[in-house]
């Protein structure tokens, strides 16, 4: 397993849309393992393959639920349904370091994805997990959380980024 370099804004590769994978094979599992190592090394909650310069539809998310860590490996994650009810989440991103902002995300989503064993699954997620998966899937489509902000909030956030660099 290898810790990879995380691309940071304004790297244009972060805006590129990712391609679906055919299946979760050994190559994709190695990618997933590297992504988990990178996410942990960077103290993140989730990571999408484009954040390490790989434009494949692969994400990993690790969440602590009642003191127990749960790790998700997903190939070709697709939101099948999202709740019209939204919640405000204070989001940050490894690719937009040292900043955060409040983003509206659906309270509940239904995902279809290939798991680490190449098994097609459908699952419902709510609250923080719905937010985390929505955030990571956005990366697969070349969307950063700052792209979801109002023009004024986006500009303020970009100004913070410029000051810190």
N, C-alpha and C. Protein backbone atom coordinates (compact mmCIF):
# COMPACT_ATOMS: atom_id res chain seq x y z
N UNK A 1 0.85 -1.18 0.00
CA UNK A 1 0.00 0.00 0.00
C UNK A 1 0.89 1.24 0.00
N UNK A 2 0.44 2.24 -0.71
CA UNK A 2 1.23 3.43 -0.92
C UNK A 2 0.41 4.67 -0.59
N UNK A 3 1.04 5.61 0.11
CA UNK A 3 0.42 6.91 0.31
C UNK A 3 0.70 7.73 -0.94
N UNK A 4 -0.36 8.22 -1.56
CA UNK A 4 -0.23 8.99 -2.79
C UNK A 4 -0.35 10.48 -2.49
N UNK A 5 0.06 11.30 -3.42
CA UNK A 5 -0.04 12.74 -3.29
C UNK A 5 -1.46 13.18 -3.61
N UNK A 6 -2.03 14.00 -2.74
CA UNK A 6 -3.38 14.53 -2.95
C UNK A 6 -3.26 15.83 -3.75
N UNK A 7 -3.99 15.89 -4.86
CA UNK A 7 -4.03 17.10 -5.67
C UNK A 7 -4.80 18.18 -4.92
N UNK A 8 -4.36 19.42 -5.05
CA UNK A 8 -5.06 20.52 -4.38
C UNK A 8 -5.49 21.58 -5.38
N UNK A 9 -6.55 22.26 -4.99
CA UNK A 9 -7.11 23.36 -5.77
C UNK A 9 -6.00 24.40 -5.98
N UNK A 10 -5.81 24.93 -7.17
CA UNK A 10 -6.66 24.90 -8.37
C UNK A 10 -6.21 23.90 -9.44
N UNK A 11 -5.61 22.79 -9.09
CA UNK A 11 -5.14 21.81 -10.07
C UNK A 11 -6.29 21.45 -11.02
N UNK A 12 -6.12 21.64 -12.33
CA UNK A 12 -7.21 21.40 -13.28
C UNK A 12 -7.66 19.94 -13.35
N UNK A 13 -6.83 19.01 -12.91
CA UNK A 13 -7.23 17.60 -12.93
C UNK A 13 -8.40 17.33 -11.99
N UNK A 14 -8.60 18.20 -10.99
CA UNK A 14 -9.72 18.03 -10.06
C UNK A 14 -11.07 18.32 -10.73
N UNK A 15 -11.05 19.00 -11.87
CA UNK A 15 -12.29 19.36 -12.55
C UNK A 15 -12.67 18.36 -13.64
N UNK A 16 -11.83 17.34 -13.84
CA UNK A 16 -12.06 16.35 -14.89
C UNK A 16 -13.02 15.27 -14.41
N UNK A 17 -13.97 14.91 -15.26
CA UNK A 17 -14.94 13.86 -14.93
C UNK A 17 -14.28 12.49 -15.04
N UNK A 18 -14.59 11.61 -14.10
CA UNK A 18 -14.00 10.28 -14.05
C UNK A 18 -14.80 9.26 -14.85
N UNK A 19 -14.10 8.23 -15.31
CA UNK A 19 -14.72 7.18 -16.11
C UNK A 19 -15.11 5.99 -15.23
N UNK A 20 -16.21 5.31 -15.60
CA UNK A 20 -16.61 4.12 -14.84
C UNK A 20 -15.54 3.02 -14.94
N UNK A 21 -15.51 2.17 -13.93
CA UNK A 21 -14.64 1.01 -13.98
C UNK A 21 -15.45 -0.18 -14.49
N UNK A 22 -14.77 -1.18 -15.06
CA UNK A 22 -15.48 -2.37 -15.55
C UNK A 22 -15.86 -3.28 -14.40
N UNK A 23 -14.94 -3.42 -13.44
CA UNK A 23 -15.19 -4.28 -12.29
C UNK A 23 -14.17 -3.93 -11.21
N UNK A 24 -14.41 -4.44 -10.02
CA UNK A 24 -13.43 -4.29 -8.93
C UNK A 24 -12.55 -5.53 -8.98
N UNK A 25 -11.38 -5.36 -9.60
CA UNK A 25 -10.41 -6.44 -9.71
C UNK A 25 -9.21 -6.11 -8.82
N UNK A 26 -8.15 -6.88 -8.95
CA UNK A 26 -6.97 -6.66 -8.10
C UNK A 26 -6.37 -5.26 -8.29
N UNK A 27 -6.38 -4.77 -9.51
CA UNK A 27 -5.85 -3.43 -9.78
C UNK A 27 -6.66 -2.36 -9.03
N UNK A 28 -7.98 -2.48 -9.07
CA UNK A 28 -8.84 -1.51 -8.40
C UNK A 28 -8.74 -1.67 -6.89
N UNK A 29 -8.64 -2.91 -6.39
CA UNK A 29 -8.46 -3.12 -4.95
C UNK A 29 -7.14 -2.49 -4.47
N UNK A 30 -6.09 -2.58 -5.26
CA UNK A 30 -4.82 -1.93 -4.91
C UNK A 30 -5.00 -0.42 -4.87
N UNK A 31 -5.72 0.12 -5.85
CA UNK A 31 -6.03 1.55 -5.86
C UNK A 31 -6.80 1.92 -4.60
N UNK A 32 -7.81 1.13 -4.26
CA UNK A 32 -8.61 1.39 -3.05
C UNK A 32 -7.74 1.36 -1.80
N UNK A 33 -6.85 0.38 -1.71
CA UNK A 33 -5.95 0.29 -0.55
C UNK A 33 -5.05 1.52 -0.45
N UNK A 34 -4.51 1.96 -1.59
CA UNK A 34 -3.68 3.17 -1.60
C UNK A 34 -4.50 4.39 -1.18
N UNK A 35 -5.74 4.44 -1.63
CA UNK A 35 -6.61 5.56 -1.27
C UNK A 35 -6.89 5.57 0.23
N UNK A 36 -7.12 4.40 0.82
CA UNK A 36 -7.36 4.33 2.27
C UNK A 36 -6.11 4.79 3.02
N UNK A 37 -4.94 4.31 2.61
CA UNK A 37 -3.68 4.73 3.25
C UNK A 37 -3.49 6.24 3.14
N UNK A 38 -3.78 6.78 1.97
CA UNK A 38 -3.63 8.23 1.75
C UNK A 38 -4.62 9.00 2.60
N UNK A 39 -5.88 8.56 2.63
CA UNK A 39 -6.91 9.22 3.42
C UNK A 39 -6.52 9.24 4.90
N UNK A 40 -6.04 8.12 5.42
CA UNK A 40 -5.64 8.03 6.82
C UNK A 40 -4.44 8.93 7.09
N UNK A 41 -3.44 8.89 6.19
CA UNK A 41 -2.24 9.71 6.36
C UNK A 41 -2.57 11.20 6.36
N UNK A 42 -3.59 11.58 5.60
CA UNK A 42 -3.99 12.99 5.49
C UNK A 42 -5.07 13.36 6.51
N UNK A 43 -5.47 12.41 7.35
CA UNK A 43 -6.49 12.63 8.37
C UNK A 43 -7.83 13.03 7.74
N UNK A 44 -8.21 12.31 6.69
CA UNK A 44 -9.47 12.59 6.01
C UNK A 44 -10.55 11.59 6.39
N UNK A 45 -11.77 11.89 5.97
CA UNK A 45 -12.92 11.02 6.18
C UNK A 45 -13.20 10.22 4.91
N UNK A 46 -12.90 10.80 3.77
CA UNK A 46 -13.15 10.16 2.50
C UNK A 46 -12.15 10.62 1.46
N UNK A 47 -12.08 9.87 0.37
CA UNK A 47 -11.18 10.23 -0.73
C UNK A 47 -11.75 9.65 -2.01
N UNK A 48 -11.68 10.43 -3.07
CA UNK A 48 -12.10 9.98 -4.39
C UNK A 48 -10.85 9.85 -5.26
N UNK A 49 -10.86 8.87 -6.15
CA UNK A 49 -9.68 8.60 -6.99
C UNK A 49 -9.16 9.83 -7.73
N UNK A 50 -10.01 10.72 -8.25
CA UNK A 50 -9.46 11.89 -8.95
C UNK A 50 -8.61 12.79 -8.05
N UNK A 51 -8.82 12.70 -6.75
CA UNK A 51 -8.02 13.53 -5.83
C UNK A 51 -6.56 13.09 -5.80
N UNK A 52 -6.29 11.87 -6.29
CA UNK A 52 -4.90 11.42 -6.40
C UNK A 52 -4.52 11.27 -7.87
N UNK A 53 -5.28 11.92 -8.74
CA UNK A 53 -4.94 11.97 -10.16
C UNK A 53 -5.36 10.75 -10.97
N UNK A 54 -6.24 9.91 -10.42
CA UNK A 54 -6.73 8.73 -11.12
C UNK A 54 -8.19 8.98 -11.46
N UNK A 55 -8.51 9.07 -12.73
CA UNK A 55 -9.86 9.44 -13.13
C UNK A 55 -10.74 8.22 -13.39
N UNK A 56 -10.91 7.47 -12.30
CA UNK A 56 -11.80 6.31 -12.28
C UNK A 56 -12.83 6.55 -11.18
N UNK A 57 -14.02 5.99 -11.36
CA UNK A 57 -15.13 6.21 -10.42
C UNK A 57 -14.98 5.28 -9.22
N UNK A 58 -14.07 5.68 -8.33
CA UNK A 58 -13.76 4.91 -7.12
C UNK A 58 -13.66 5.88 -5.95
N UNK A 59 -14.32 5.52 -4.82
CA UNK A 59 -14.23 6.31 -3.60
C UNK A 59 -14.03 5.39 -2.40
N UNK A 60 -13.48 5.98 -1.35
CA UNK A 60 -13.41 5.30 -0.05
C UNK A 60 -13.86 6.30 1.01
N UNK A 61 -14.54 5.80 2.03
CA UNK A 61 -15.01 6.62 3.15
C UNK A 61 -14.86 5.80 4.41
N UNK A 62 -14.34 6.42 5.45
CA UNK A 62 -14.27 5.76 6.76
C UNK A 62 -14.97 6.65 7.77
N UNK A 63 -15.89 6.03 8.51
CA UNK A 63 -16.68 6.79 9.48
C UNK A 63 -16.70 6.04 10.81
N UNK A 64 -16.75 6.81 11.86
CA UNK A 64 -16.84 6.24 13.20
C UNK A 64 -18.32 6.25 13.60
N UNK A 65 -18.89 5.07 13.79
CA UNK A 65 -20.29 4.95 14.20
C UNK A 65 -20.31 4.31 15.58
N UNK A 66 -20.71 5.10 16.57
CA UNK A 66 -20.79 4.62 17.95
C UNK A 66 -19.48 3.97 18.41
N UNK A 67 -18.36 4.62 18.10
CA UNK A 67 -17.06 4.13 18.53
C UNK A 67 -16.48 3.01 17.68
N UNK A 68 -17.19 2.62 16.64
CA UNK A 68 -16.71 1.56 15.76
C UNK A 68 -16.48 2.13 14.36
N UNK A 69 -15.27 1.90 13.82
CA UNK A 69 -14.96 2.42 12.49
C UNK A 69 -15.53 1.51 11.42
N UNK A 70 -16.15 2.13 10.42
CA UNK A 70 -16.72 1.41 9.28
C UNK A 70 -16.08 1.98 8.03
N UNK A 71 -15.50 1.11 7.22
CA UNK A 71 -14.79 1.53 6.01
C UNK A 71 -15.57 1.07 4.79
N UNK A 72 -15.84 2.01 3.90
CA UNK A 72 -16.55 1.72 2.66
C UNK A 72 -15.59 1.86 1.48
N UNK A 73 -15.62 0.86 0.60
CA UNK A 73 -14.88 0.88 -0.66
C UNK A 73 -15.96 0.83 -1.75
N UNK A 74 -15.97 1.77 -2.66
CA UNK A 74 -17.03 1.80 -3.67
C UNK A 74 -16.48 2.04 -5.07
N UNK A 75 -16.91 1.19 -5.98
CA UNK A 75 -16.65 1.38 -7.40
C UNK A 75 -17.94 1.79 -8.07
N UNK A 76 -17.85 2.74 -8.97
CA UNK A 76 -19.02 3.24 -9.71
C UNK A 76 -20.19 3.65 -8.82
N UNK A 77 -19.93 4.37 -7.72
CA UNK A 77 -21.07 4.77 -6.88
C UNK A 77 -22.00 5.70 -7.64
N UNK A 78 -23.28 5.43 -7.49
CA UNK A 78 -24.30 6.21 -8.21
C UNK A 78 -25.44 6.52 -7.25
N UNK A 79 -25.80 7.79 -7.20
CA UNK A 79 -26.95 8.17 -6.38
C UNK A 79 -28.21 7.87 -7.18
N UNK A 80 -29.01 6.93 -6.68
CA UNK A 80 -30.25 6.54 -7.35
C UNK A 80 -31.41 7.43 -6.93
N UNK A 81 -31.34 7.92 -5.70
CA UNK A 81 -32.42 8.74 -5.15
C UNK A 81 -31.83 9.62 -4.07
N UNK A 82 -32.35 10.84 -3.99
CA UNK A 82 -31.95 11.71 -2.88
C UNK A 82 -33.18 12.42 -2.34
N UNK A 83 -33.19 12.57 -1.03
CA UNK A 83 -34.26 13.23 -0.31
C UNK A 83 -34.33 14.69 -0.73
N UNK A 84 -35.53 15.21 -0.84
CA UNK A 84 -35.68 16.64 -1.13
C UNK A 84 -35.34 17.48 0.10
N UNK A 85 -35.40 16.86 1.27
CA UNK A 85 -35.04 17.56 2.50
C UNK A 85 -33.52 17.61 2.60
N UNK A 86 -33.00 18.79 2.92
CA UNK A 86 -31.55 18.96 2.98
C UNK A 86 -31.11 19.34 4.39
N UNK A 87 -29.82 19.23 4.60
CA UNK A 87 -29.21 19.65 5.86
C UNK A 87 -27.96 20.45 5.52
N UNK A 88 -27.60 21.34 6.42
CA UNK A 88 -26.39 22.13 6.27
C UNK A 88 -25.23 21.40 6.93
N UNK A 89 -24.15 21.20 6.18
CA UNK A 89 -22.97 20.51 6.70
C UNK A 89 -21.76 21.41 6.53
N UNK A 90 -20.97 21.52 7.57
CA UNK A 90 -19.73 22.27 7.51
C UNK A 90 -18.67 21.36 6.90
N UNK A 91 -18.38 21.57 5.63
CA UNK A 91 -17.50 20.67 4.90
C UNK A 91 -16.11 21.24 4.73
N UNK A 92 -15.16 20.32 4.70
CA UNK A 92 -13.79 20.61 4.33
C UNK A 92 -13.40 19.59 3.29
N UNK A 93 -12.18 19.69 2.79
CA UNK A 93 -11.76 18.78 1.73
C UNK A 93 -10.24 18.72 1.69
N UNK A 94 -9.71 17.51 1.53
CA UNK A 94 -8.26 17.36 1.44
C UNK A 94 -7.69 18.09 0.22
N UNK A 95 -8.52 18.26 -0.82
CA UNK A 95 -8.06 18.96 -2.02
C UNK A 95 -8.25 20.47 -1.94
N UNK A 96 -8.91 20.93 -0.91
CA UNK A 96 -9.07 22.37 -0.65
C UNK A 96 -8.66 22.57 0.81
N UNK A 97 -7.36 22.43 1.10
CA UNK A 97 -6.91 22.37 2.50
C UNK A 97 -7.10 23.68 3.26
N UNK A 98 -7.25 23.52 4.56
CA UNK A 98 -7.30 24.63 5.51
C UNK A 98 -8.48 25.57 5.31
N UNK A 99 -9.56 25.06 4.73
CA UNK A 99 -10.77 25.86 4.58
C UNK A 99 -11.97 24.96 4.83
N UNK A 100 -13.08 25.58 5.15
CA UNK A 100 -14.34 24.86 5.25
C UNK A 100 -15.47 25.85 5.03
N UNK A 101 -16.63 25.31 4.70
CA UNK A 101 -17.80 26.14 4.47
C UNK A 101 -19.04 25.27 4.59
N UNK A 102 -20.16 25.90 4.85
CA UNK A 102 -21.44 25.19 4.99
C UNK A 102 -22.02 24.93 3.60
N UNK A 103 -22.36 23.65 3.37
CA UNK A 103 -22.93 23.21 2.10
C UNK A 103 -24.24 22.48 2.38
N UNK A 104 -25.24 22.71 1.55
CA UNK A 104 -26.51 21.97 1.66
C UNK A 104 -26.37 20.64 0.94
N UNK A 105 -26.74 19.57 1.64
CA UNK A 105 -26.71 18.22 1.07
C UNK A 105 -28.01 17.52 1.43
N UNK A 106 -28.41 16.53 0.62
CA UNK A 106 -29.63 15.78 0.96
C UNK A 106 -29.45 15.03 2.28
N UNK A 107 -30.54 14.95 3.05
CA UNK A 107 -30.49 14.24 4.34
C UNK A 107 -30.38 12.73 4.15
N UNK A 108 -30.94 12.23 3.04
CA UNK A 108 -30.92 10.79 2.77
C UNK A 108 -30.64 10.57 1.30
N UNK A 109 -29.90 9.48 1.02
CA UNK A 109 -29.64 9.08 -0.36
C UNK A 109 -29.70 7.56 -0.46
N UNK A 110 -29.93 7.08 -1.66
CA UNK A 110 -29.81 5.65 -1.97
C UNK A 110 -28.70 5.52 -3.00
N UNK A 111 -27.72 4.66 -2.70
CA UNK A 111 -26.59 4.44 -3.59
C UNK A 111 -26.61 3.04 -4.18
N UNK A 112 -26.12 2.95 -5.41
CA UNK A 112 -25.79 1.66 -6.03
C UNK A 112 -24.29 1.72 -6.28
N UNK A 113 -23.58 0.64 -5.94
CA UNK A 113 -22.13 0.62 -6.11
C UNK A 113 -21.61 -0.82 -6.13
N UNK A 114 -20.40 -0.96 -6.61
CA UNK A 114 -19.67 -2.22 -6.51
C UNK A 114 -18.82 -2.17 -5.26
N UNK A 115 -18.92 -3.18 -4.41
CA UNK A 115 -18.10 -3.19 -3.20
C UNK A 115 -16.71 -3.76 -3.52
N UNK A 116 -15.89 -3.88 -2.52
CA UNK A 116 -14.50 -4.33 -2.68
C UNK A 116 -14.42 -5.73 -3.30
N UNK A 117 -15.48 -6.53 -3.14
CA UNK A 117 -15.52 -7.89 -3.69
C UNK A 117 -16.25 -7.95 -5.03
N UNK A 118 -16.48 -6.78 -5.64
CA UNK A 118 -17.15 -6.67 -6.94
C UNK A 118 -18.62 -7.11 -6.87
N UNK A 119 -19.23 -6.98 -5.70
CA UNK A 119 -20.65 -7.30 -5.54
C UNK A 119 -21.45 -6.01 -5.68
N UNK A 120 -22.45 -6.03 -6.56
CA UNK A 120 -23.31 -4.86 -6.76
C UNK A 120 -24.25 -4.73 -5.57
N UNK A 121 -24.26 -3.56 -4.96
CA UNK A 121 -25.09 -3.32 -3.78
C UNK A 121 -25.93 -2.06 -3.98
N UNK A 122 -27.06 -2.04 -3.28
CA UNK A 122 -27.88 -0.84 -3.14
C UNK A 122 -28.09 -0.63 -1.67
N UNK A 123 -27.86 0.61 -1.23
CA UNK A 123 -27.94 0.88 0.21
C UNK A 123 -28.43 2.31 0.43
N UNK A 124 -29.18 2.48 1.51
CA UNK A 124 -29.64 3.81 1.91
C UNK A 124 -28.70 4.35 2.98
N UNK A 125 -28.41 5.65 2.88
CA UNK A 125 -27.57 6.33 3.86
C UNK A 125 -28.24 7.63 4.25
N UNK A 126 -27.99 8.05 5.49
CA UNK A 126 -28.58 9.30 5.96
C UNK A 126 -27.56 10.12 6.72
N UNK A 127 -27.94 11.38 6.95
CA UNK A 127 -27.17 12.31 7.77
C UNK A 127 -25.73 12.43 7.27
N UNK A 128 -24.75 12.25 8.17
CA UNK A 128 -23.36 12.51 7.81
C UNK A 128 -22.87 11.61 6.67
N UNK A 129 -23.30 10.34 6.66
CA UNK A 129 -22.87 9.45 5.57
C UNK A 129 -23.43 9.91 4.23
N UNK A 130 -24.67 10.37 4.21
CA UNK A 130 -25.25 10.90 2.97
C UNK A 130 -24.43 12.09 2.49
N UNK A 131 -24.01 12.94 3.42
CA UNK A 131 -23.18 14.09 3.08
C UNK A 131 -21.82 13.64 2.55
N UNK A 132 -21.16 12.73 3.26
CA UNK A 132 -19.83 12.28 2.88
C UNK A 132 -19.84 11.62 1.49
N UNK A 133 -20.81 10.74 1.24
CA UNK A 133 -20.85 10.08 -0.06
C UNK A 133 -21.19 11.08 -1.17
N UNK A 134 -22.10 12.01 -0.90
CA UNK A 134 -22.43 13.04 -1.90
C UNK A 134 -21.18 13.86 -2.24
N UNK A 135 -20.42 14.23 -1.22
CA UNK A 135 -19.19 15.01 -1.41
C UNK A 135 -18.20 14.23 -2.29
N UNK A 136 -17.97 12.96 -1.97
CA UNK A 136 -16.98 12.17 -2.72
C UNK A 136 -17.46 11.90 -4.14
N UNK A 137 -18.75 11.64 -4.33
CA UNK A 137 -19.27 11.41 -5.68
C UNK A 137 -19.16 12.68 -6.51
N UNK A 138 -19.34 13.84 -5.89
CA UNK A 138 -19.11 15.10 -6.61
C UNK A 138 -17.72 15.13 -7.22
N UNK A 139 -16.70 14.68 -6.47
CA UNK A 139 -15.33 14.65 -7.01
C UNK A 139 -15.26 13.85 -8.30
N UNK A 140 -16.02 12.77 -8.39
CA UNK A 140 -15.99 11.93 -9.58
C UNK A 140 -16.53 12.67 -10.80
N UNK A 141 -17.34 13.69 -10.55
CA UNK A 141 -17.91 14.51 -11.62
C UNK A 141 -17.19 15.84 -11.79
N UNK A 142 -16.02 15.98 -11.14
CA UNK A 142 -15.23 17.20 -11.28
C UNK A 142 -15.79 18.38 -10.50
N UNK A 143 -16.56 18.10 -9.45
CA UNK A 143 -17.19 19.15 -8.65
C UNK A 143 -16.54 19.18 -7.27
N UNK A 144 -16.09 20.35 -6.85
CA UNK A 144 -15.55 20.55 -5.50
C UNK A 144 -16.64 21.17 -4.64
N UNK A 145 -16.53 21.00 -3.33
CA UNK A 145 -17.57 21.55 -2.45
C UNK A 145 -17.68 23.06 -2.61
N UNK A 146 -16.59 23.73 -2.95
CA UNK A 146 -16.64 25.19 -3.13
C UNK A 146 -17.49 25.57 -4.34
N UNK A 147 -17.67 24.63 -5.28
CA UNK A 147 -18.53 24.89 -6.44
C UNK A 147 -20.00 24.91 -6.04
N UNK A 148 -20.33 24.39 -4.88
CA UNK A 148 -21.71 24.33 -4.40
C UNK A 148 -22.09 25.54 -3.55
N UNK A 149 -21.14 26.45 -3.36
CA UNK A 149 -21.40 27.64 -2.54
C UNK A 149 -22.02 28.75 -3.37
N UNK A 150 -22.69 29.67 -2.69
CA UNK A 150 -23.21 30.85 -3.39
C UNK A 150 -22.00 31.62 -3.94
N UNK A 151 -22.20 32.46 -4.95
CA UNK A 151 -21.07 33.20 -5.51
C UNK A 151 -20.29 34.00 -4.46
N UNK A 152 -21.01 34.64 -3.52
CA UNK A 152 -20.33 35.43 -2.50
C UNK A 152 -19.51 34.54 -1.56
N UNK A 153 -20.12 33.47 -1.06
CA UNK A 153 -19.39 32.57 -0.15
C UNK A 153 -18.22 31.90 -0.86
N UNK A 154 -18.41 31.58 -2.12
CA UNK A 154 -17.33 30.96 -2.90
C UNK A 154 -16.15 31.93 -3.00
N UNK A 155 -16.44 33.18 -3.32
CA UNK A 155 -15.36 34.16 -3.45
C UNK A 155 -14.64 34.38 -2.12
N UNK A 156 -15.39 34.45 -1.03
CA UNK A 156 -14.77 34.60 0.29
C UNK A 156 -13.86 33.40 0.60
N UNK A 157 -14.33 32.20 0.27
CA UNK A 157 -13.53 31.00 0.51
C UNK A 157 -12.28 31.00 -0.36
N UNK A 158 -12.42 31.38 -1.63
CA UNK A 158 -11.26 31.45 -2.52
C UNK A 158 -10.26 32.49 -2.04
N UNK A 159 -10.76 33.60 -1.50
CA UNK A 159 -9.86 34.62 -0.94
C UNK A 159 -9.07 34.07 0.24
N UNK A 160 -9.72 33.26 1.09
CA UNK A 160 -9.02 32.63 2.22
C UNK A 160 -7.92 31.71 1.72
N UNK A 161 -8.24 30.95 0.66
CA UNK A 161 -7.25 30.03 0.09
C UNK A 161 -6.03 30.81 -0.41
N UNK A 162 -6.28 31.89 -1.12
CA UNK A 162 -5.17 32.70 -1.66
C UNK A 162 -4.31 33.27 -0.54
N UNK A 163 -4.93 33.71 0.54
CA UNK A 163 -4.19 34.27 1.66
C UNK A 163 -3.30 33.22 2.34
N UNK A 164 -3.79 31.98 2.41
CA UNK A 164 -3.04 30.92 3.08
C UNK A 164 -1.93 30.36 2.21
N UNK A 165 -1.99 30.61 0.92
CA UNK A 165 -0.94 30.09 0.00
C UNK A 165 0.13 31.07 -0.22
